[in-house]
Amino acid sequence: MNQVIRLTATWCGPCKAYAPTFEAATLDASDRWEAITLDIDSDEGREMMIANNIRSVPTTLFMEFGQETKTVVGAMSQADLEDLLT
């Protein structure tokens, strides 16, 4: 299954604002995409940031067949995220 990964941080205001948008859009696409949220304060989140050269949060990674296909830095509107998930 394809994965959409949201990198976030507990101290990040834009991350908190983006969370409900991400949840709503990915819920609608749950038959095609596995939604994952990683906090960069955790080891797994830090490793993902380093491995993908991420410098800012929120960041959304799109992984298809195990390969990163798109990275979006910053919050997106629900419509924009839904378009990317179709």
Protein backbone atom coordinates (compact mmCIF):
# COMPACT_ATOMS: atom_id res chain seq x y z
CA MET A 1 0.00 0.00 0.00
CA ASN A 2 1.17 3.55 -0.68
CA GLN A 3 2.03 5.71 2.30
CA VAL A 4 1.52 9.38 3.05
CA ILE A 5 3.70 10.51 5.93
CA ARG A 6 3.19 13.72 7.89
CA LEU A 7 6.27 14.94 9.74
CA THR A 8 5.28 17.16 12.63
CA ALA A 9 6.48 18.54 15.97
CA THR A 10 4.66 19.11 19.24
CA TRP A 11 5.89 22.72 19.45
CA CYS A 12 4.91 23.64 15.85
CA GLY A 13 1.80 25.83 15.47
CA PRO A 14 1.35 25.22 11.72
CA CYS A 15 1.69 21.46 12.38
CA LYS A 16 -1.16 21.60 14.89
CA ALA A 17 -3.33 23.56 12.44
CA TYR A 18 -2.57 21.08 9.61
CA ALA A 19 -3.35 17.95 11.67
CA PRO A 20 -7.17 17.97 11.22
CA THR A 21 -6.81 18.63 7.49
CA PHE A 22 -4.39 15.72 7.12
CA GLU A 23 -6.63 13.41 9.14
CA ALA A 24 -9.76 14.27 7.13
CA ALA A 25 -8.12 13.97 3.71
CA THR A 26 -6.32 10.72 4.47
CA LEU A 27 -9.42 9.16 6.01
CA ASP A 28 -11.19 9.58 2.68
CA ALA A 29 -8.26 7.92 0.87
CA SER A 30 -7.63 5.13 3.40
CA ASP A 31 -8.43 2.44 0.82
CA ARG A 32 -5.43 3.60 -1.28
CA TRP A 33 -3.06 5.25 1.20
CA GLU A 34 -1.72 4.36 4.63
CA ALA A 35 -1.53 7.57 6.66
CA ILE A 36 1.40 7.87 9.08
CA THR A 37 2.22 10.72 11.42
CA LEU A 38 5.76 10.97 12.79
CA ASP A 39 6.75 13.47 15.44
CA ILE A 40 10.30 14.74 14.86
CA ASP A 41 10.76 14.75 18.63
CA SER A 42 10.80 10.92 18.43
CA ASP A 43 13.72 8.80 17.20
CA GLU A 44 11.73 7.51 14.23
CA GLY A 45 10.70 11.02 13.20
CA ARG A 46 14.26 12.36 13.48
CA GLU A 47 15.57 9.46 11.40
CA MET A 48 12.98 10.15 8.68
CA MET A 49 13.95 13.85 8.62
CA ILE A 50 17.64 13.05 8.28
CA ALA A 51 17.12 10.32 5.68
CA ASN A 52 14.99 12.63 3.51
CA ASN A 53 16.96 15.85 4.12
CA ILE A 54 13.89 17.55 5.64
CA ARG A 55 14.59 20.93 7.23
CA SER A 56 11.11 22.21 8.05
CA VAL A 57 7.80 20.99 9.45
CA PRO A 58 5.10 20.29 8.64
CA THR A 59 6.27 18.21 5.72
CA THR A 60 4.23 15.60 3.89
CA LEU A 61 5.98 12.74 2.10
CA PHE A 62 4.29 10.56 -0.49
CA MET A 63 5.73 7.06 -0.86
CA GLU A 64 4.61 4.77 -3.67
CA PHE A 65 5.97 1.24 -3.93
CA GLY A 66 8.56 2.11 -1.27
CA GLN A 67 9.92 5.11 -3.17
CA GLU A 68 9.43 8.75 -2.32
CA THR A 69 7.45 10.34 -5.15
CA LYS A 70 6.66 13.77 -3.77
CA THR A 71 7.52 16.00 -0.83
CA VAL A 72 5.44 19.00 0.17
CA VAL A 73 6.86 21.39 2.75
CA GLY A 74 4.30 23.37 4.71
CA ALA A 75 0.62 22.89 5.37
CA MET A 76 -1.74 22.18 2.47
CA SER A 77 -5.42 22.79 2.07
CA GLN A 78 -7.65 19.75 2.27
CA ALA A 79 -8.51 20.09 -1.44
CA ASP A 80 -4.82 20.19 -2.45
CA LEU A 81 -4.00 17.16 -0.33
CA GLU A 82 -7.01 15.25 -1.64
CA ASP A 83 -5.88 16.00 -5.21
CA LEU A 84 -2.47 14.51 -4.48
CA LEU A 85 -4.06 11.42 -2.95
CA THR A 86 -6.19 10.63 -6.02
